[in-house]
């Protein structure tokens, strides 16, 4: 990397670290935020569904913009939108304001996909895995700090400070990256109009509509009565739209989502793996706090508290930092299939631990430590290999669809887990341990299935660059 590229990458990384910290702090702070905004369970459920929809749409949209326009400019705009959303927390007093705030904040997820593509684009072949690992390690470190600091920060500044503090920290980085907008040559407007014509707006709108239908369907599928009928109708409409949308994307000169590229063996396998990562992440961040509450009520050696949950989740961030020096060596020695299989194996074993051993803190810490190692290895290697095999001009878009697949996996996991848990929730609304065991076992089985998906990735065919480094192959036509 050149010096200016390193500075740009550092600015993007710092901004992403701030928003990753915000995201991590929501796990122990969720109840306080809901109480501060006086949200009902139904309102919070709708906001969560809308948040999924915004993330699912914004990730591929911002990623595609990163392919069409200057990546640094797209980073600046998307981070600026996220900062605006965080600053809205100062005046968030209603459901509508909170919804608008979350809508704008979702832009940081799309910014992460562009940042990953930018780092891959500007890194030498032998340093791609290392630099992606540095990004994941840095964000993991900030997530760790956030888990520890969430309680004291809320006590001093209030729960909504967890939104506006990251925005204040990220805003200078967005402004720094935005200097590119002010330094454009005079001919840039024509290039911009040409770039706008490359955006398949109709394809993006249809994709957003299908994702909205999926969100509504999964929201009401298990409610019974006319709500279930509505959900089935949404799924039927989506099933009608999907093949037509795929056909149009194949025929479009500059599609919103390059489905031909996604149909490639390696890319398809990595997106299937991303689905399983979403399910596993939901299991840890949603089911584990429930397990702590249920196990504590049934006589475990610990008492449930937000501080305990934050402490248990702490290793998920610490391990990503500790593994930073190992990403590149593992990539060279094991190859993408080996690293991905290792990561998913760690996740599967981690999700089995709470099923068989949960009466003390130590096995739960082993669970989150092993999960942190697995998710760091699998996600970092997945995004690194994806950006290796796709054309450079499609890197940000591919990174966006990878994030979209992970988000859909999270939604499917949350819906499936809610169905399992609803069969055993008692009058106190505490999930039963047998149902939690089943949910964790399902998540572990899904992660094991992800290992099968990684087996479909072709071995990397190296070409000697020198005696120490290898140049990876590109995706075959």
Protein backbone atom coordinates (compact mmCIF):
# COMPACT_ATOMS: atom_id res chain seq x y z
CA UNK A 1 0.00 0.00 0.00
CA UNK A 2 1.06 3.57 -0.63
CA UNK A 3 1.13 6.01 2.26
CA UNK A 4 -2.12 7.72 1.21
CA UNK A 5 -3.82 4.34 0.82
CA UNK A 6 -2.69 3.31 4.30
CA UNK A 7 -4.07 6.54 5.76
CA UNK A 8 -7.41 6.09 3.97
CA UNK A 9 -7.63 2.47 5.15
CA UNK A 10 -6.83 3.56 8.72
CA UNK A 11 -9.55 6.25 8.63
CA UNK A 12 -12.14 3.77 7.35
CA UNK A 13 -11.06 1.19 9.94
CA UNK A 14 -11.35 3.66 12.83
CA UNK A 15 -14.86 4.66 11.77
CA UNK A 16 -15.91 1.02 11.44
CA UNK A 17 -14.40 0.28 14.85
CA UNK A 18 -16.60 2.98 16.40
CA UNK A 19 -19.77 1.56 14.90
CA UNK A 20 -18.76 -2.02 15.69
CA UNK A 21 -18.38 -0.94 19.31
CA UNK A 22 -21.91 0.49 19.17
CA UNK A 23 -23.24 -2.78 17.77
CA UNK A 24 -21.48 -4.87 20.44
CA UNK A 25 -22.70 -2.62 23.26
CA UNK A 26 -26.32 -3.28 22.27
CA UNK A 27 -26.16 -6.84 23.64
CA UNK A 28 -25.88 -5.88 27.34
CA UNK A 29 -27.70 -2.53 26.84
CA UNK A 30 -30.76 -3.67 24.92
CA UNK A 31 -33.19 -3.63 27.85
CA UNK A 32 -32.08 -0.16 29.00
CA UNK A 33 -32.47 1.28 25.49
CA UNK A 34 -35.99 -0.17 25.20
CA UNK A 35 -36.92 1.24 28.61
CA UNK A 36 -35.49 4.68 27.81
CA UNK A 37 -37.47 4.96 24.57
CA UNK A 38 -40.52 3.33 26.19
CA UNK A 39 -40.91 0.83 23.38
CA UNK A 40 -43.40 -1.99 23.68
CA UNK A 41 -42.46 -5.53 22.72
CA UNK A 42 -44.46 -5.21 19.49
CA UNK A 43 -42.84 -1.89 18.59
CA UNK A 44 -39.36 -3.23 19.23
CA UNK A 45 -40.16 -6.31 17.16
CA UNK A 46 -41.20 -4.12 14.22
CA UNK A 47 -38.12 -1.92 14.58
CA UNK A 48 -35.91 -5.02 14.59
CA UNK A 49 -37.61 -6.35 11.46
CA UNK A 50 -37.21 -2.98 9.74
CA UNK A 51 -33.57 -2.85 10.78
CA UNK A 52 -32.96 -6.22 9.14
CA UNK A 53 -34.61 -4.94 5.97
CA UNK A 54 -32.52 -1.78 5.88
CA UNK A 55 -29.28 -3.70 6.42
CA UNK A 56 -30.23 -6.30 3.82
CA UNK A 57 -30.91 -3.61 1.22
CA UNK A 58 -28.15 -1.15 2.10
CA UNK A 59 -25.29 -3.69 2.11
CA UNK A 60 -25.57 -4.72 -1.57
CA UNK A 61 -26.66 -1.21 -2.62
CA UNK A 62 -23.69 0.54 -1.04
CA UNK A 63 -21.42 -2.26 -2.23
CA UNK A 64 -22.62 -1.81 -5.81
CA UNK A 65 -22.09 1.94 -5.54
CA UNK A 66 -18.55 1.17 -4.40
CA UNK A 67 -17.99 -0.73 -7.66
CA UNK A 68 -19.48 2.02 -9.83
CA UNK A 69 -18.08 5.12 -8.12
CA UNK A 70 -14.90 5.98 -6.23
CA UNK A 71 -14.78 3.73 -3.17
CA UNK A 72 -13.45 6.45 -0.88
CA UNK A 73 -16.28 8.79 -1.83
CA UNK A 74 -18.85 6.04 -1.24
CA UNK A 75 -17.23 5.31 2.12
CA UNK A 76 -17.43 8.98 3.07
CA UNK A 77 -21.11 9.29 2.14
CA UNK A 78 -22.20 6.04 3.81
CA UNK A 79 -20.25 6.77 6.98
CA UNK A 80 -21.68 10.29 6.97
CA UNK A 81 -25.23 8.87 6.84
CA UNK A 82 -24.41 6.53 9.73
CA UNK A 83 -23.00 9.45 11.75
CA UNK A 84 -26.18 11.44 11.10
CA UNK A 85 -28.21 8.52 12.40
CA UNK A 86 -26.11 8.25 15.55
CA UNK A 87 -26.37 11.97 16.24
CA UNK A 88 -30.17 11.72 15.99
CA UNK A 89 -30.05 9.79 19.27
CA UNK A 90 -29.81 13.16 21.04
CA UNK A 91 -33.43 13.81 20.05
CA UNK A 92 -34.79 10.26 19.85
CA UNK A 93 -38.03 10.50 21.84
CA UNK A 94 -40.45 8.50 19.70
CA UNK A 95 -40.70 5.29 17.72
CA UNK A 96 -40.57 7.25 14.44
CA UNK A 97 -37.34 9.02 15.42
CA UNK A 98 -35.79 5.76 16.61
CA UNK A 99 -36.75 4.10 13.32
CA UNK A 100 -35.17 6.92 11.31
CA UNK A 101 -32.07 6.72 13.48
CA UNK A 102 -31.70 2.98 12.90
CA UNK A 103 -32.34 3.40 9.16
CA UNK A 104 -29.44 5.83 8.80
CA UNK A 105 -27.19 3.82 11.10
CA UNK A 106 -27.56 0.75 8.87
CA UNK A 107 -25.35 2.50 6.31
CA UNK A 108 -22.27 1.58 8.35
CA UNK A 109 -22.77 -2.11 7.45
CA UNK A 110 -22.60 -1.22 3.76
CA UNK A 111 -19.56 0.94 4.45
CA UNK A 112 -17.87 -2.14 5.90
CA UNK A 113 -18.34 -4.04 2.64
CA UNK A 114 -16.76 -1.20 0.64
CA UNK A 115 -13.88 -0.90 3.13
CA UNK A 116 -13.13 -4.62 2.79
CA UNK A 117 -13.09 -4.30 -1.01
CA UNK A 118 -10.89 -1.19 -0.84
CA UNK A 119 -8.36 -2.94 1.41
CA UNK A 120 -8.29 -5.96 -0.89
CA UNK A 121 -7.91 -3.76 -3.97
CA UNK A 122 -4.96 -1.81 -2.58
CA UNK A 123 -3.14 -4.73 -0.90
CA UNK A 124 -0.45 -6.89 -2.54
CA UNK A 125 -1.54 -10.48 -3.12
CA UNK A 126 0.63 -11.83 -0.29
CA UNK A 127 -0.79 -9.31 2.22
CA UNK A 128 -4.53 -9.55 1.50
CA UNK A 129 -5.30 -12.03 4.29
CA UNK A 130 -3.13 -10.16 6.78
CA UNK A 131 -4.74 -6.79 6.04
CA UNK A 132 -8.26 -8.21 6.21
CA UNK A 133 -7.23 -9.80 9.50
CA UNK A 134 -6.04 -6.44 10.81
CA UNK A 135 -9.46 -4.97 10.00
CA UNK A 136 -11.24 -7.79 11.82
CA UNK A 137 -8.81 -7.64 14.74
CA UNK A 138 -9.24 -3.89 15.17
CA UNK A 139 -13.03 -4.08 15.10
CA UNK A 140 -12.88 -7.05 17.50
CA UNK A 141 -10.76 -5.03 19.93
CA UNK A 142 -13.26 -2.17 19.94
CA UNK A 143 -16.13 -4.62 20.38
CA UNK A 144 -14.33 -6.00 23.44
CA UNK A 145 -13.86 -2.54 24.92
CA UNK A 146 -17.53 -1.76 24.25
CA UNK A 147 -18.72 -4.82 26.14
CA UNK A 148 -16.72 -3.70 29.16
CA UNK A 149 -17.54 -0.01 28.91
CA UNK A 150 -21.25 -0.18 28.05
CA UNK A 151 -22.38 -0.20 31.68
CA UNK A 152 -20.26 2.72 32.96
CA UNK A 153 -21.02 4.80 29.84
CA UNK A 154 -24.77 4.28 30.24
CA UNK A 155 -24.56 5.19 33.91
CA UNK A 156 -22.69 8.40 33.16
CA UNK A 157 -24.30 9.56 29.90
CA UNK A 158 -27.47 7.53 29.46
CA UNK A 159 -28.29 4.56 27.22
CA UNK A 160 -28.67 6.68 24.05
CA UNK A 161 -25.06 7.78 24.36
CA UNK A 162 -24.13 4.37 22.96
CA UNK A 163 -25.45 5.69 19.62
CA UNK A 164 -24.16 9.26 19.50
CA UNK A 165 -20.70 8.65 20.99
CA UNK A 166 -19.61 6.36 18.11
CA UNK A 167 -21.04 8.89 15.64
CA UNK A 168 -18.97 11.66 17.18
CA UNK A 169 -15.86 9.44 16.99
CA UNK A 170 -16.48 8.39 13.37
CA UNK A 171 -17.45 11.79 11.99
CA UNK A 172 -13.85 13.11 11.59
CA UNK A 173 -12.95 9.93 9.67
CA UNK A 174 -15.92 10.41 7.34
CA UNK A 175 -14.97 14.05 6.78
CA UNK A 176 -11.35 13.05 6.08
CA UNK A 177 -12.42 10.48 3.48
CA UNK A 178 -14.86 13.00 2.05
CA UNK A 179 -12.05 15.29 1.05
CA UNK A 180 -12.00 13.23 -2.17
CA UNK A 181 -15.37 14.70 -3.07
CA UNK A 182 -13.94 18.21 -2.95
CA UNK A 183 -10.84 17.26 -4.94
CA UNK A 184 -12.57 15.88 -8.02
CA UNK A 185 -11.38 17.17 -11.41
CA UNK A 186 -13.82 19.30 -13.42
CA UNK A 187 -14.80 16.37 -15.68
CA UNK A 188 -16.07 14.31 -12.75
CA UNK A 189 -19.81 15.16 -13.19
CA UNK A 190 -19.97 13.37 -16.57
CA UNK A 191 -18.30 10.34 -15.07
CA UNK A 192 -20.80 10.49 -12.23
CA UNK A 193 -23.76 10.49 -14.64
CA UNK A 194 -22.21 7.54 -16.47
CA UNK A 195 -21.89 5.77 -13.13
CA UNK A 196 -25.52 6.48 -12.28
CA UNK A 197 -26.59 4.85 -15.53
CA UNK A 198 -24.71 1.71 -14.47
CA UNK A 199 -26.86 1.36 -11.37
CA UNK A 200 -29.74 -1.03 -11.99
CA UNK A 201 -32.28 0.91 -9.93
CA UNK A 202 -35.20 -1.29 -10.91
CA UNK A 203 -33.32 -4.44 -9.94
CA UNK A 204 -32.47 -2.91 -6.57
CA UNK A 205 -36.10 -1.91 -5.93
CA UNK A 206 -37.37 -5.38 -6.80
CA UNK A 207 -34.76 -6.95 -4.51
CA UNK A 208 -35.85 -4.60 -1.72
CA UNK A 209 -39.46 -5.60 -2.28
CA UNK A 210 -38.64 -9.29 -2.07
CA UNK A 211 -36.64 -8.77 1.11
CA UNK A 212 -39.57 -6.83 2.59
CA UNK A 213 -41.89 -9.73 1.75
CA UNK A 214 -39.44 -12.17 3.35
CA UNK A 215 -39.21 -10.03 6.49
CA UNK A 216 -43.00 -9.76 6.85
CA UNK A 217 -43.48 -13.47 6.15
CA UNK A 218 -40.98 -14.58 8.78
CA UNK A 219 -42.39 -12.06 11.24
CA UNK A 220 -45.92 -13.53 11.12
CA UNK A 221 -45.43 -17.10 9.91
CA UNK A 222 -45.97 -18.64 13.35
CA UNK A 223 -48.69 -16.28 14.66
CA UNK A 224 -51.56 -18.43 13.42
CA UNK A 225 -54.85 -17.44 11.81
CA UNK A 226 -54.98 -14.76 9.15
CA UNK A 227 -51.45 -13.56 10.00
CA UNK A 228 -50.03 -16.92 8.95
CA UNK A 229 -52.13 -16.76 5.79
CA UNK A 230 -50.67 -13.29 5.10
CA UNK A 231 -47.16 -14.66 5.61
CA UNK A 232 -47.79 -17.53 3.19
CA UNK A 233 -49.13 -15.06 0.61
CA UNK A 234 -45.95 -12.98 0.98
CA UNK A 235 -43.82 -16.08 0.40
CA UNK A 236 -45.91 -17.01 -2.65
CA UNK A 237 -45.50 -13.54 -4.18
CA UNK A 238 -41.78 -13.68 -3.46
CA UNK A 239 -41.53 -17.11 -5.11
CA UNK A 240 -43.30 -15.65 -8.16
CA UNK A 241 -40.97 -12.62 -8.35
CA UNK A 242 -37.64 -14.34 -7.68
CA UNK A 243 -37.11 -16.31 -10.93
CA UNK A 244 -38.15 -13.31 -13.02
CA UNK A 245 -35.77 -11.05 -11.12
CA UNK A 246 -32.94 -13.56 -11.59
CA UNK A 247 -33.64 -13.74 -15.33
CA UNK A 248 -33.61 -9.94 -15.63
CA UNK A 249 -30.36 -9.71 -13.68
CA UNK A 250 -28.74 -12.24 -16.00
CA UNK A 251 -29.80 -10.24 -19.04
CA UNK A 252 -28.88 -6.79 -17.70
CA UNK A 253 -25.58 -5.33 -18.89
CA UNK A 254 -24.76 -3.91 -15.43
CA UNK A 255 -26.97 -5.85 -12.98
CA UNK A 256 -27.61 -4.76 -9.41
CA UNK A 257 -26.56 -8.25 -8.28
CA UNK A 258 -24.37 -10.27 -10.63
CA UNK A 259 -26.26 -13.56 -10.34
CA UNK A 260 -24.03 -15.14 -12.98
CA UNK A 261 -21.07 -14.48 -10.72
CA UNK A 262 -23.00 -15.77 -7.69
CA UNK A 263 -23.78 -18.99 -9.56
CA UNK A 264 -20.06 -19.78 -9.79
CA UNK A 265 -19.06 -22.72 -7.65
CA UNK A 266 -16.67 -20.95 -5.29
CA UNK A 267 -18.76 -17.81 -4.86
CA UNK A 268 -21.97 -19.80 -4.28
CA UNK A 269 -20.28 -21.99 -1.64
CA UNK A 270 -18.95 -18.94 0.22
CA UNK A 271 -22.39 -17.31 0.25
CA UNK A 272 -23.94 -20.54 1.59
CA UNK A 273 -21.29 -20.50 4.30
CA UNK A 274 -22.22 -16.87 5.10
CA UNK A 275 -25.81 -18.02 5.75
CA UNK A 276 -24.54 -20.47 8.38
CA UNK A 277 -22.40 -17.75 9.98
CA UNK A 278 -25.54 -15.66 10.43
CA UNK A 279 -27.32 -18.52 12.19
CA UNK A 280 -24.37 -19.13 14.52
CA UNK A 281 -24.00 -15.45 15.37
CA UNK A 282 -27.69 -15.22 16.29
CA UNK A 283 -27.34 -18.27 18.52
CA UNK A 284 -24.53 -16.71 20.54
CA UNK A 285 -25.89 -13.18 20.84
CA UNK A 286 -29.57 -14.10 21.31
CA UNK A 287 -29.71 -17.60 22.80
CA UNK A 288 -26.77 -17.36 25.20
CA UNK A 289 -28.28 -14.51 27.32
CA UNK A 290 -31.51 -16.53 27.50
CA UNK A 291 -29.55 -19.61 28.54
CA UNK A 292 -27.83 -17.68 31.33
CA UNK A 293 -31.22 -16.55 32.66
CA UNK A 294 -32.78 -20.02 32.43
CA UNK A 295 -29.77 -21.85 33.90
CA UNK A 296 -29.53 -19.35 36.76
CA UNK A 297 -33.20 -19.91 37.58
CA UNK A 298 -32.67 -23.68 37.56
CA UNK A 299 -29.84 -23.65 40.10
CA UNK A 300 -26.63 -22.90 38.22
CA UNK A 301 -23.65 -21.57 40.15
CA UNK A 302 -24.06 -18.02 38.79
CA UNK A 303 -26.69 -15.27 38.80
CA UNK A 304 -28.00 -13.70 35.64
CA UNK A 305 -27.07 -10.04 35.03
CA UNK A 306 -26.19 -7.72 32.17
CA UNK A 307 -22.62 -7.55 33.52
CA UNK A 308 -22.29 -11.33 33.43
CA UNK A 309 -23.65 -11.54 29.88
CA UNK A 310 -21.21 -8.84 28.75
CA UNK A 311 -18.33 -10.66 30.43
CA UNK A 312 -19.27 -13.94 28.77
CA UNK A 313 -19.38 -12.30 25.35
CA UNK A 314 -16.03 -10.60 25.95
CA UNK A 315 -13.90 -13.46 24.50
CA UNK A 316 -15.66 -13.15 21.12
CA UNK A 317 -13.83 -9.86 20.63
CA UNK A 318 -10.59 -10.75 22.38
CA UNK A 319 -9.98 -13.83 20.23
CA UNK A 320 -10.27 -11.86 16.98
CA UNK A 321 -7.52 -9.57 18.24
CA UNK A 322 -5.27 -12.43 19.37
CA UNK A 323 -5.69 -14.27 16.07
CA UNK A 324 -4.65 -11.27 13.95
CA UNK A 325 -1.03 -12.47 13.43
CA UNK A 326 -2.25 -15.96 12.42
CA UNK A 327 -4.62 -15.14 9.56
CA UNK A 328 -1.97 -14.91 6.84
CA UNK A 329 0.09 -17.98 7.94
CA UNK A 330 -3.05 -20.12 8.21
CA UNK A 331 -4.20 -18.92 4.81
CA UNK A 332 -0.89 -19.96 3.25
CA UNK A 333 -0.62 -23.32 5.01
CA UNK A 334 -4.22 -24.56 5.03
CA UNK A 335 -5.68 -22.74 2.05
CA UNK A 336 -9.22 -21.32 2.01
CA UNK A 337 -11.01 -24.64 2.42
CA UNK A 338 -8.89 -25.61 5.40
CA UNK A 339 -9.25 -22.28 7.22
CA UNK A 340 -13.00 -22.08 6.58
CA UNK A 341 -13.53 -25.67 7.72
CA UNK A 342 -11.47 -25.02 10.86
CA UNK A 343 -13.49 -21.90 11.67
CA UNK A 344 -16.85 -23.60 11.19
CA UNK A 345 -15.71 -26.62 13.20
CA UNK A 346 -14.84 -24.29 16.08
CA UNK A 347 -18.29 -22.68 15.83
CA UNK A 348 -20.08 -26.05 15.77
CA UNK A 349 -18.19 -27.35 18.82
CA UNK A 350 -18.75 -24.06 20.65
CA UNK A 351 -22.52 -24.27 20.12
CA UNK A 352 -22.63 -27.82 21.47
CA UNK A 353 -20.92 -26.88 24.76
CA UNK A 354 -23.97 -25.12 26.34
CA UNK A 355 -26.12 -28.15 25.57
CA UNK A 356 -24.03 -30.53 27.67
CA UNK A 357 -22.15 -28.30 30.12
CA UNK A 358 -23.60 -25.06 31.48
CA UNK A 359 -23.81 -25.27 35.26
CA UNK A 360 -20.74 -23.07 35.79
CA UNK A 361 -19.18 -20.04 34.15
CA UNK A 362 -16.11 -21.77 32.73
CA UNK A 363 -17.77 -23.91 30.04
CA UNK A 364 -19.74 -20.87 28.87
CA UNK A 365 -16.49 -18.90 28.62
CA UNK A 366 -14.99 -21.79 26.65
CA UNK A 367 -18.04 -21.63 24.37
CA UNK A 368 -17.69 -17.92 23.59
CA UNK A 369 -13.89 -18.16 23.25
CA UNK A 370 -14.13 -21.01 20.76
CA UNK A 371 -16.95 -19.25 18.92
CA UNK A 372 -14.94 -16.03 18.72
CA UNK A 373 -12.01 -17.91 17.20
CA UNK A 374 -14.26 -19.72 14.74
CA UNK A 375 -16.23 -16.70 13.53
CA UNK A 376 -13.05 -14.64 13.16
CA UNK A 377 -11.34 -17.31 11.08
CA UNK A 378 -14.37 -18.12 8.93
CA UNK A 379 -15.51 -14.55 8.27
CA UNK A 380 -12.04 -13.15 7.59
CA UNK A 381 -11.03 -16.01 5.30
CA UNK A 382 -14.42 -15.98 3.60
CA UNK A 383 -14.32 -12.30 2.69
CA UNK A 384 -10.61 -12.52 1.75
CA UNK A 385 -11.11 -15.47 -0.59
CA UNK A 386 -14.28 -13.98 -2.07
CA UNK A 387 -12.44 -10.79 -2.99
CA UNK A 388 -9.61 -12.88 -4.46
CA UNK A 389 -11.79 -14.81 -6.88
CA UNK A 390 -14.21 -12.11 -8.10
CA UNK A 391 -13.16 -9.42 -10.59
CA UNK A 392 -11.88 -6.26 -8.91
CA UNK A 393 -14.68 -4.16 -10.43
CA UNK A 394 -17.24 -6.39 -8.67
CA UNK A 395 -15.46 -6.70 -5.32
CA UNK A 396 -17.55 -4.27 -3.26
CA UNK A 397 -20.80 -5.65 -4.67
CA UNK A 398 -19.76 -9.23 -3.91
CA UNK A 399 -18.80 -8.16 -0.39
CA UNK A 400 -22.27 -6.62 -0.05
CA UNK A 401 -24.07 -9.80 -1.13
CA UNK A 402 -21.87 -11.79 1.27
CA UNK A 403 -23.07 -9.54 4.09
CA UNK A 404 -26.63 -9.87 2.78
CA UNK A 405 -26.38 -13.67 2.96
CA UNK A 406 -25.13 -13.45 6.55
CA UNK A 407 -27.99 -11.09 7.46
CA UNK A 408 -30.59 -13.42 5.92
CA UNK A 409 -29.02 -16.28 7.88
CA UNK A 410 -29.44 -14.27 11.07
CA UNK A 411 -33.10 -13.63 10.28
CA UNK A 412 -33.79 -17.27 9.43
CA UNK A 413 -32.01 -18.34 12.61
CA UNK A 414 -33.97 -15.90 14.77
CA UNK A 415 -37.25 -17.09 13.26
CA UNK A 416 -36.40 -20.76 13.68
CA UNK A 417 -35.22 -20.27 17.25
CA UNK A 418 -38.39 -18.36 18.17
CA UNK A 419 -40.48 -21.27 16.90
CA UNK A 420 -38.48 -23.75 18.98
CA UNK A 421 -38.51 -21.59 22.11
CA UNK A 422 -42.22 -20.78 21.89
CA UNK A 423 -43.07 -24.42 22.58
CA UNK A 424 -41.68 -24.24 26.11
CA UNK A 425 -41.90 -20.65 27.39
CA UNK A 426 -43.53 -20.63 30.82
CA UNK A 427 -45.73 -17.97 32.40
CA UNK A 428 -42.67 -15.94 33.44
CA UNK A 429 -41.60 -15.68 29.77
CA UNK A 430 -38.33 -17.46 30.56
CA UNK A 431 -37.30 -19.84 27.82
CA UNK A 432 -37.07 -23.47 28.94
CA UNK A 433 -33.74 -25.26 29.04
CA UNK A 434 -34.90 -28.22 26.88
CA UNK A 435 -35.97 -25.81 24.11
CA UNK A 436 -32.71 -23.87 24.42
CA UNK A 437 -30.80 -27.14 24.12
CA UNK A 438 -32.70 -27.91 20.91
CA UNK A 439 -32.03 -24.45 19.49
CA UNK A 440 -28.30 -24.66 20.23
CA UNK A 441 -28.17 -28.15 18.70
CA UNK A 442 -29.86 -26.88 15.53
CA UNK A 443 -27.37 -24.00 15.30
CA UNK A 444 -24.47 -26.43 15.72
CA UNK A 445 -25.90 -28.69 12.99
CA UNK A 446 -26.22 -25.70 10.64
CA UNK A 447 -22.57 -24.79 11.26
CA UNK A 448 -21.56 -28.38 10.52
CA UNK A 449 -23.53 -28.12 7.27
CA UNK A 450 -21.51 -25.01 6.50
CA UNK A 451 -18.40 -27.18 6.58
CA UNK A 452 -19.91 -29.22 3.75
CA UNK A 453 -20.43 -26.02 1.76
CA UNK A 454 -16.75 -25.11 2.14
CA UNK A 455 -15.79 -28.53 0.76
CA UNK A 456 -17.17 -27.34 -2.59
CA UNK A 457 -14.58 -24.56 -2.86
CA UNK A 458 -11.88 -25.48 -5.34
CA UNK A 459 -8.31 -25.69 -4.05
CA UNK A 460 -6.27 -22.62 -4.82
CA UNK A 461 -3.92 -23.14 -7.72
CA UNK A 462 -0.77 -21.22 -6.81
CA UNK A 463 1.58 -19.56 -9.25
CA UNK A 464 5.05 -18.89 -7.93
CA UNK A 465 5.79 -15.22 -7.38
CA UNK A 466 9.01 -15.87 -5.54
CA UNK A 467 10.11 -18.47 -3.08
CA UNK A 468 8.02 -17.05 -0.22
CA UNK A 469 4.81 -15.76 -1.82
CA UNK A 470 2.03 -17.11 -3.98
CA UNK A 471 -0.33 -15.44 -6.42
CA UNK A 472 -3.86 -16.98 -6.18
CA UNK A 473 -5.92 -17.96 -9.17
CA UNK A 474 -8.83 -15.89 -10.43
CA UNK A 475 -12.37 -17.10 -10.94
CA UNK A 476 -12.78 -19.09 -14.13
CA UNK A 477 -15.35 -17.97 -16.68
